[in-house]
């Protein structure tokens, strides 16, 4: 990697407090690569050869079985994905593909395990990352189990509005089919759910939405920090 890339990677929370010699050992065989959209990065069932860190773009984590496929998570910078498989030297439980032009740092799994055992600061950062991923999975499970499809969509739109901070206007970050899969719905159910939200001020114009009655929508969604707050 170029020196400027190394410096930018060094500033990430995962690597910031490592001893210099261990950071050098970790990144010596690593490479930063750019991928176009819709490129499969890993496949479920394959051995975990690399730790992937999304530094730009977006990656979809998905799984398939019995002819069906579902989106499990959308990963945006700066975050790792499938770290647990790397640490345990086990097969990937999910596949991953780019949703847009992306830049991915790829670190050999053997290097990650070796430095994890040798560097306390890196080990603590890894544990913190895994704890955050675990809490994300629990929140997603609660969202699926405790809410109707309409409530899941309403909360998703409210989170997008908060993240984008553009008043009533909200831009869907991915296509509606992917959003439906992420929310555990079919595209047809998603379309009906948007129709159900129309009286609550949700207007749909392609991938642009307008939330004209945010308080009414919030009253329906009943957002909870124990499900919807990404920082908790």
C-alpha atoms as a PDB file:
ATOM      1  CA  UNK A   1       0.000   0.000   0.000  1.00  0.00           C
ATOM      2  CA  UNK A   2       1.046   3.611  -0.524  1.00  0.00           C
ATOM      3  CA  UNK A   3       2.278   5.610   2.454  1.00  0.00           C
ATOM      4  CA  UNK A   4      -0.780   7.876   2.397  1.00  0.00           C
ATOM      5  CA  UNK A   5      -3.052   4.818   2.460  1.00  0.00           C
ATOM      6  CA  UNK A   6      -1.126   3.372   5.401  1.00  0.00           C
ATOM      7  CA  UNK A   7      -1.501   6.602   7.352  1.00  0.00           C
ATOM      8  CA  UNK A   8      -5.250   6.702   6.744  1.00  0.00           C
ATOM      9  CA  UNK A   9      -5.624   3.067   7.816  1.00  0.00           C
ATOM     10  CA  UNK A  10      -3.463   3.689  10.889  1.00  0.00           C
ATOM     11  CA  UNK A  11      -5.932   6.347  12.059  1.00  0.00           C
ATOM     12  CA  UNK A  12      -8.833   3.878  12.172  1.00  0.00           C
ATOM     13  CA  UNK A  13      -9.975   2.903  15.680  1.00  0.00           C
ATOM     14  CA  UNK A  14      -9.121  -0.730  15.009  1.00  0.00           C
ATOM     15  CA  UNK A  15      -5.443   0.035  14.450  1.00  0.00           C
ATOM     16  CA  UNK A  16      -4.832   3.393  16.147  1.00  0.00           C
ATOM     17  CA  UNK A  17      -3.267   2.137  19.387  1.00  0.00           C
ATOM     18  CA  UNK A  18      -1.228  -0.784  18.065  1.00  0.00           C
ATOM     19  CA  UNK A  19       2.502  -0.915  18.540  1.00  0.00           C
ATOM     20  CA  UNK A  20       4.209   0.332  15.353  1.00  0.00           C
ATOM     21  CA  UNK A  21       6.043  -2.920  14.717  1.00  0.00           C
ATOM     22  CA  UNK A  22       2.810  -4.905  14.966  1.00  0.00           C
ATOM     23  CA  UNK A  23       0.987  -2.537  12.634  1.00  0.00           C
ATOM     24  CA  UNK A  24       3.797  -2.974  10.130  1.00  0.00           C
ATOM     25  CA  UNK A  25       3.596  -6.759  10.462  1.00  0.00           C
ATOM     26  CA  UNK A  26      -0.174  -6.675  10.011  1.00  0.00           C
ATOM     27  CA  UNK A  27      -0.150  -4.517   6.897  1.00  0.00           C
ATOM     28  CA  UNK A  28       2.973  -5.872   5.234  1.00  0.00           C
ATOM     29  CA  UNK A  29       0.976  -8.399   3.225  1.00  0.00           C
ATOM     30  CA  UNK A  30      -2.270  -6.373   3.147  1.00  0.00           C
ATOM     31  CA  UNK A  31      -3.557  -4.461   0.155  1.00  0.00           C
ATOM     32  CA  UNK A  32      -6.112  -1.762  -0.481  1.00  0.00           C
ATOM     33  CA  UNK A  33      -8.193  -2.507  -3.544  1.00  0.00           C
ATOM     34  CA  UNK A  34     -10.965  -0.715  -5.430  1.00  0.00           C
ATOM     35  CA  UNK A  35     -13.908  -2.700  -6.766  1.00  0.00           C
ATOM     36  CA  UNK A  36     -16.759  -1.751  -9.103  1.00  0.00           C
ATOM     37  CA  UNK A  37     -20.344  -2.352  -8.019  1.00  0.00           C
ATOM     38  CA  UNK A  38     -21.885  -5.835  -7.922  1.00  0.00           C
ATOM     39  CA  UNK A  39     -18.584  -7.651  -7.392  1.00  0.00           C
ATOM     40  CA  UNK A  40     -18.736 -10.709  -5.121  1.00  0.00           C
ATOM     41  CA  UNK A  41     -16.004 -10.353  -2.500  1.00  0.00           C
ATOM     42  CA  UNK A  42     -16.581 -13.552  -0.509  1.00  0.00           C
ATOM     43  CA  UNK A  43     -18.954 -16.515  -0.615  1.00  0.00           C
ATOM     44  CA  UNK A  44     -20.562 -18.230   2.345  1.00  0.00           C
ATOM     45  CA  UNK A  45     -18.960 -21.569   3.063  1.00  0.00           C
ATOM     46  CA  UNK A  46     -15.523 -20.505   1.800  1.00  0.00           C
ATOM     47  CA  UNK A  47     -12.599 -20.366   4.250  1.00  0.00           C
ATOM     48  CA  UNK A  48     -11.960 -16.975   5.850  1.00  0.00           C
ATOM     49  CA  UNK A  49      -8.745 -15.972   4.111  1.00  0.00           C
ATOM     50  CA  UNK A  50      -8.888 -12.212   4.689  1.00  0.00           C
ATOM     51  CA  UNK A  51     -10.219  -9.621   7.086  1.00  0.00           C
ATOM     52  CA  UNK A  52     -12.088  -7.041   5.009  1.00  0.00           C
ATOM     53  CA  UNK A  53     -12.379  -3.405   6.062  1.00  0.00           C
ATOM     54  CA  UNK A  54     -14.726  -1.162   4.080  1.00  0.00           C
ATOM     55  CA  UNK A  55     -13.004   2.210   3.745  1.00  0.00           C
ATOM     56  CA  UNK A  56     -15.221   3.641   0.969  1.00  0.00           C
ATOM     57  CA  UNK A  57     -18.446   2.628  -0.751  1.00  0.00           C
ATOM     58  CA  UNK A  58     -20.941   0.045   0.489  1.00  0.00           C
ATOM     59  CA  UNK A  59     -21.074  -3.742   0.836  1.00  0.00           C
ATOM     60  CA  UNK A  60     -24.118  -6.008   1.098  1.00  0.00           C
ATOM     61  CA  UNK A  61     -23.898  -9.064   3.337  1.00  0.00           C
ATOM     62  CA  UNK A  62     -26.335 -11.755   2.247  1.00  0.00           C
ATOM     63  CA  UNK A  63     -27.065 -15.465   2.528  1.00  0.00           C
ATOM     64  CA  UNK A  64     -28.956 -18.025   0.492  1.00  0.00           C
ATOM     65  CA  UNK A  65     -30.551 -21.436   0.999  1.00  0.00           C
ATOM     66  CA  UNK A  66     -33.192 -23.505  -0.768  1.00  0.00           C
ATOM     67  CA  UNK A  67     -33.268 -21.171  -3.754  1.00  0.00           C
ATOM     68  CA  UNK A  68     -33.965 -18.141  -1.576  1.00  0.00           C
ATOM     69  CA  UNK A  69     -31.693 -15.203  -0.802  1.00  0.00           C
ATOM     70  CA  UNK A  70     -31.847 -12.555   1.912  1.00  0.00           C
ATOM     71  CA  UNK A  71     -29.929  -9.399   2.742  1.00  0.00           C
ATOM     72  CA  UNK A  72     -28.566  -9.469   6.288  1.00  0.00           C
ATOM     73  CA  UNK A  73     -26.724  -6.177   6.558  1.00  0.00           C
ATOM     74  CA  UNK A  74     -25.422  -3.201   4.618  1.00  0.00           C
ATOM     75  CA  UNK A  75     -21.870  -2.275   5.626  1.00  0.00           C
ATOM     76  CA  UNK A  76     -20.548   1.251   5.142  1.00  0.00           C
ATOM     77  CA  UNK A  77     -17.259   2.925   6.070  1.00  0.00           C
ATOM     78  CA  UNK A  78     -15.476   2.442   8.234  1.00  0.00           C
ATOM     79  CA  UNK A  79     -16.254  -1.098   9.340  1.00  0.00           C
ATOM     80  CA  UNK A  80     -15.021  -4.660   9.136  1.00  0.00           C
ATOM     81  CA  UNK A  81     -17.161  -7.565   8.105  1.00  0.00           C
ATOM     82  CA  UNK A  82     -17.128 -11.215   9.184  1.00  0.00           C
ATOM     83  CA  UNK A  83     -14.351 -10.662  11.706  1.00  0.00           C
ATOM     84  CA  UNK A  84     -15.474 -13.624  13.835  1.00  0.00           C
ATOM     85  CA  UNK A  85     -14.787 -16.124  11.026  1.00  0.00           C
ATOM     86  CA  UNK A  86     -11.272 -14.723  10.656  1.00  0.00           C
ATOM     87  CA  UNK A  87     -10.476 -15.024  14.364  1.00  0.00           C
ATOM     88  CA  UNK A  88     -11.905 -18.543  14.629  1.00  0.00           C
ATOM     89  CA  UNK A  89     -10.395 -19.679  11.310  1.00  0.00           C
ATOM     90  CA  UNK A  90     -13.772 -20.941  10.164  1.00  0.00           C
ATOM     91  CA  UNK A  91     -15.894 -20.666   7.041  1.00  0.00           C
ATOM     92  CA  UNK A  92     -17.788 -17.508   6.173  1.00  0.00           C
ATOM     93  CA  UNK A  93     -21.455 -17.701   7.183  1.00  0.00           C
ATOM     94  CA  UNK A  94     -22.403 -14.949   4.730  1.00  0.00           C
ATOM     95  CA  UNK A  95     -21.516 -13.778   1.267  1.00  0.00           C
ATOM     96  CA  UNK A  96     -20.576 -10.189   0.444  1.00  0.00           C
ATOM     97  CA  UNK A  97     -20.812  -8.040  -2.680  1.00  0.00           C
ATOM     98  CA  UNK A  98     -20.271  -4.391  -3.429  1.00  0.00           C
ATOM     99  CA  UNK A  99     -23.352  -2.221  -3.854  1.00  0.00           C
ATOM    100  CA  UNK A 100     -21.389   0.629  -5.415  1.00  0.00           C
ATOM    101  CA  UNK A 101     -17.796   1.475  -6.243  1.00  0.00           C
ATOM    102  CA  UNK A 102     -15.947   0.537  -3.065  1.00  0.00           C
ATOM    103  CA  UNK A 103     -12.492   0.513  -1.552  1.00  0.00           C
ATOM    104  CA  UNK A 104     -11.674  -2.485   0.616  1.00  0.00           C
ATOM    105  CA  UNK A 105      -8.656  -3.131   2.817  1.00  0.00           C
ATOM    106  CA  UNK A 106      -7.836  -6.845   2.769  1.00  0.00           C
ATOM    107  CA  UNK A 107      -5.594  -8.221   5.531  1.00  0.00           C
ATOM    108  CA  UNK A 108      -4.547 -11.902   5.515  1.00  0.00           C
ATOM    109  CA  UNK A 109      -6.396 -13.812   8.232  1.00  0.00           C
ATOM    110  CA  UNK A 110      -3.219 -15.481   9.496  1.00  0.00           C
ATOM    111  CA  UNK A 111      -1.642 -12.063  10.112  1.00  0.00           C
ATOM    112  CA  UNK A 112      -4.728 -10.910  12.020  1.00  0.00           C
ATOM    113  CA  UNK A 113      -4.621 -13.945  14.328  1.00  0.00           C
ATOM    114  CA  UNK A 114      -0.886 -13.620  14.943  1.00  0.00           C
ATOM    115  CA  UNK A 115      -1.032  -9.939  15.814  1.00  0.00           C
ATOM    116  CA  UNK A 116      -4.209 -10.440  17.874  1.00  0.00           C
ATOM    117  CA  UNK A 117      -2.189 -12.763  20.131  1.00  0.00           C
ATOM    118  CA  UNK A 118       0.767 -10.377  20.336  1.00  0.00           C
ATOM    119  CA  UNK A 119      -0.702  -6.886  20.690  1.00  0.00           C
ATOM    120  CA  UNK A 120      -2.985  -6.062  23.626  1.00  0.00           C
ATOM    121  CA  UNK A 121      -4.252  -2.778  22.164  1.00  0.00           C
ATOM    122  CA  UNK A 122      -5.220  -4.474  18.905  1.00  0.00           C
ATOM    123  CA  UNK A 123      -6.891  -7.315  20.817  1.00  0.00           C
ATOM    124  CA  UNK A 124      -8.963  -4.831  22.834  1.00  0.00           C
ATOM    125  CA  UNK A 125      -9.985  -3.024  19.643  1.00  0.00           C
ATOM    126  CA  UNK A 126     -10.989  -6.351  18.087  1.00  0.00           C
ATOM    127  CA  UNK A 127     -13.108  -7.249  21.119  1.00  0.00           C
ATOM    128  CA  UNK A 128     -14.777  -3.829  21.000  1.00  0.00           C
ATOM    129  CA  UNK A 129     -15.517  -4.304  17.289  1.00  0.00           C
ATOM    130  CA  UNK A 130     -16.986  -7.765  17.899  1.00  0.00           C
ATOM    131  CA  UNK A 131     -19.097  -6.462  20.784  1.00  0.00           C
ATOM    132  CA  UNK A 132     -20.485  -3.744  18.521  1.00  0.00           C
ATOM    133  CA  UNK A 133     -21.296  -6.269  15.804  1.00  0.00           C
ATOM    134  CA  UNK A 134     -23.037  -8.519  18.343  1.00  0.00           C
ATOM    135  CA  UNK A 135     -25.229  -5.676  19.555  1.00  0.00           C
ATOM    136  CA  UNK A 136     -26.076  -4.791  15.954  1.00  0.00           C
ATOM    137  CA  UNK A 137     -27.214  -8.369  15.307  1.00  0.00           C
ATOM    138  CA  UNK A 138     -29.352  -8.412  18.482  1.00  0.00           C
ATOM    139  CA  UNK A 139     -31.031  -5.134  17.501  1.00  0.00           C
ATOM    140  CA  UNK A 140     -31.746  -6.466  14.023  1.00  0.00           C
ATOM    141  CA  UNK A 141     -33.272  -9.630  15.512  1.00  0.00           C
ATOM    142  CA  UNK A 142     -35.456  -7.595  17.881  1.00  0.00           C
ATOM    143  CA  UNK A 143     -36.549  -5.427  14.959  1.00  0.00           C
ATOM    144  CA  UNK A 144     -37.627  -8.514  13.005  1.00  0.00           C
ATOM    145  CA  UNK A 145     -39.306 -10.311  15.915  1.00  0.00           C
ATOM    146  CA  UNK A 146     -41.078  -7.449  17.678  1.00  0.00           C
ATOM    147  CA  UNK A 147     -42.334  -5.283  14.823  1.00  0.00           C
ATOM    148  CA  UNK A 148     -44.677  -5.611  11.887  1.00  0.00           C
ATOM    149  CA  UNK A 149     -43.341  -5.021   8.393  1.00  0.00           C
ATOM    150  CA  UNK A 150     -44.935  -1.562   8.305  1.00  0.00           C
ATOM    151  CA  UNK A 151     -43.329  -0.633  11.640  1.00  0.00           C
ATOM    152  CA  UNK A 152     -39.938  -1.857  10.408  1.00  0.00           C
ATOM    153  CA  UNK A 153     -40.223   0.288   7.299  1.00  0.00           C
ATOM    154  CA  UNK A 154     -41.374   3.333   9.275  1.00  0.00           C
ATOM    155  CA  UNK A 155     -38.409   3.076  11.645  1.00  0.00           C
ATOM    156  CA  UNK A 156     -36.006   2.542   8.742  1.00  0.00           C
ATOM    157  CA  UNK A 157     -37.238   5.741   7.081  1.00  0.00           C
ATOM    158  CA  UNK A 158     -36.941   7.715  10.306  1.00  0.00           C
ATOM    159  CA  UNK A 159     -33.342   6.513  10.740  1.00  0.00           C
ATOM    160  CA  UNK A 160     -32.523   7.544   7.177  1.00  0.00           C
ATOM    161  CA  UNK A 161     -34.029  10.968   7.792  1.00  0.00           C
ATOM    162  CA  UNK A 162     -31.904  11.407  10.916  1.00  0.00           C
ATOM    163  CA  UNK A 163     -28.741  10.270   9.142  1.00  0.00           C
ATOM    164  CA  UNK A 164     -29.263  12.440   6.072  1.00  0.00           C
ATOM    165  CA  UNK A 165     -30.530  15.499   7.986  1.00  0.00           C
ATOM    166  CA  UNK A 166     -32.182  16.986   4.891  1.00  0.00           C
ATOM    167  CA  UNK A 167     -35.542  17.972   6.321  1.00  0.00           C
ATOM    168  CA  UNK A 168     -38.506  15.987   4.978  1.00  0.00           C
ATOM    169  CA  UNK A 169     -36.535  14.743   1.943  1.00  0.00           C
ATOM    170  CA  UNK A 170     -34.998  11.254   2.188  1.00  0.00           C
ATOM    171  CA  UNK A 171     -32.953   9.452  -0.452  1.00  0.00           C
ATOM    172  CA  UNK A 172     -33.045   5.659  -0.422  1.00  0.00           C
ATOM    173  CA  UNK A 173     -29.389   4.523  -0.367  1.00  0.00           C
ATOM    174  CA  UNK A 174     -30.071   1.318  -2.331  1.00  0.00           C
ATOM    175  CA  UNK A 175     -32.758  -0.065  -4.609  1.00  0.00           C
ATOM    176  CA  UNK A 176     -36.149  -1.034  -3.166  1.00  0.00           C
ATOM    177  CA  UNK A 177     -35.609  -4.750  -3.758  1.00  0.00           C
ATOM    178  CA  UNK A 178     -32.529  -4.677  -1.503  1.00  0.00           C
ATOM    179  CA  UNK A 179     -34.383  -2.647   1.128  1.00  0.00           C
ATOM    180  CA  UNK A 180     -37.247  -5.155   1.082  1.00  0.00           C
ATOM    181  CA  UNK A 181     -34.807  -8.024   1.629  1.00  0.00           C
ATOM    182  CA  UNK A 182     -33.016  -6.134   4.416  1.00  0.00           C
ATOM    183  CA  UNK A 183     -36.324  -5.558   6.210  1.00  0.00           C
ATOM    184  CA  UNK A 184     -37.478  -9.159   5.792  1.00  0.00           C
ATOM    185  CA  UNK A 185     -40.130  -8.363   3.171  1.00  0.00           C
ATOM    186  CA  UNK A 186     -40.919  -9.203  -0.422  1.00  0.00           C
ATOM    187  CA  UNK A 187     -40.880  -6.341  -2.954  1.00  0.00           C
ATOM    188  CA  UNK A 188     -44.669  -6.644  -3.172  1.00  0.00           C
ATOM    189  CA  UNK A 189     -45.018  -6.331   0.615  1.00  0.00           C
ATOM    190  CA  UNK A 190     -42.713  -3.320   0.574  1.00  0.00           C
ATOM    191  CA  UNK A 191     -44.897  -1.626  -2.027  1.00  0.00           C
ATOM    192  CA  UNK A 192     -48.007  -2.269   0.074  1.00  0.00           C
ATOM    193  CA  UNK A 193     -46.210  -1.016   3.198  1.00  0.00           C
ATOM    194  CA  UNK A 194     -45.394   2.275   1.450  1.00  0.00           C
ATOM    195  CA  UNK A 195     -49.073   2.542   0.590  1.00  0.00           C
ATOM    196  CA  UNK A 196     -50.002   1.972   4.232  1.00  0.00           C
ATOM    197  CA  UNK A 197     -47.645   4.798   5.246  1.00  0.00           C
ATOM    198  CA  UNK A 198     -49.177   7.316   2.842  1.00  0.00           C
ATOM    199  CA  UNK A 199     -51.694   8.632   5.455  1.00  0.00           C
ATOM    200  CA  UNK A 200     -48.688   9.195   7.758  1.00  0.00           C
ATOM    201  CA  UNK A 201     -47.151  11.640   5.297  1.00  0.00           C
ATOM    202  CA  UNK A 202     -44.845   9.350   3.322  1.00  0.00           C
ATOM    203  CA  UNK A 203     -44.646  10.328  -0.364  1.00  0.00           C
ATOM    204  CA  UNK A 204     -42.631   8.178  -2.759  1.00  0.00           C
ATOM    205  CA  UNK A 205     -41.016   9.504  -5.938  1.00  0.00           C
ATOM    206  CA  UNK A 206     -38.715   6.743  -7.146  1.00  0.00           C
ATOM    207  CA  UNK A 207     -35.793   6.552  -4.708  1.00  0.00           C
ATOM    208  CA  UNK A 208     -36.666   9.971  -3.268  1.00  0.00           C
ATOM    209  CA  UNK A 209     -39.124  10.083  -0.377  1.00  0.00           C
ATOM    210  CA  UNK A 210     -40.741  12.924   1.533  1.00  0.00           C
ATOM    211  CA  UNK A 211     -41.745  12.504   5.174  1.00  0.00           C
ATOM    212  CA  UNK A 212     -44.331  15.279   5.444  1.00  0.00           C
ATOM    213  CA  UNK A 213     -45.729  14.240   8.835  1.00  0.00           C
ATOM    214  CA  UNK A 214     -42.697  13.021  10.818  1.00  0.00           C
ATOM    215  CA  UNK A 215     -44.495  13.155  14.155  1.00  0.00           C
ATOM    216  CA  UNK A 216     -47.369  11.049  12.848  1.00  0.00           C
ATOM    217  CA  UNK A 217     -44.857   8.583  11.407  1.00  0.00           C
ATOM    218  CA  UNK A 218     -42.977   8.521  14.696  1.00  0.00           C
ATOM    219  CA  UNK A 219     -46.199   7.816  16.545  1.00  0.00           C
ATOM    220  CA  UNK A 220     -46.741   4.759  14.372  1.00  0.00           C
ATOM    221  CA  UNK A 221     -43.120   3.569  14.449  1.00  0.00           C
ATOM    222  CA  UNK A 222     -42.504   4.062  18.179  1.00  0.00           C
ATOM    223  CA  UNK A 223     -38.694   4.059  17.768  1.00  0.00           C
ATOM    224  CA  UNK A 224     -36.684   2.615  20.638  1.00  0.00           C
ATOM    225  CA  UNK A 225     -33.045   3.416  21.513  1.00  0.00           C
ATOM    226  CA  UNK A 226     -32.607  -0.261  22.378  1.00  0.00           C
ATOM    227  CA  UNK A 227     -33.313  -1.141  18.740  1.00  0.00           C
ATOM    228  CA  UNK A 228     -32.781   1.936  16.613  1.00  0.00           C
ATOM    229  CA  UNK A 229     -29.852   3.828  18.164  1.00  0.00           C
ATOM    230  CA  UNK A 230     -26.681   2.755  16.281  1.00  0.00           C
ATOM    231  CA  UNK A 231     -24.435   4.284  18.956  1.00  0.00           C
ATOM    232  CA  UNK A 232     -25.833   2.327  21.939  1.00  0.00           C
END
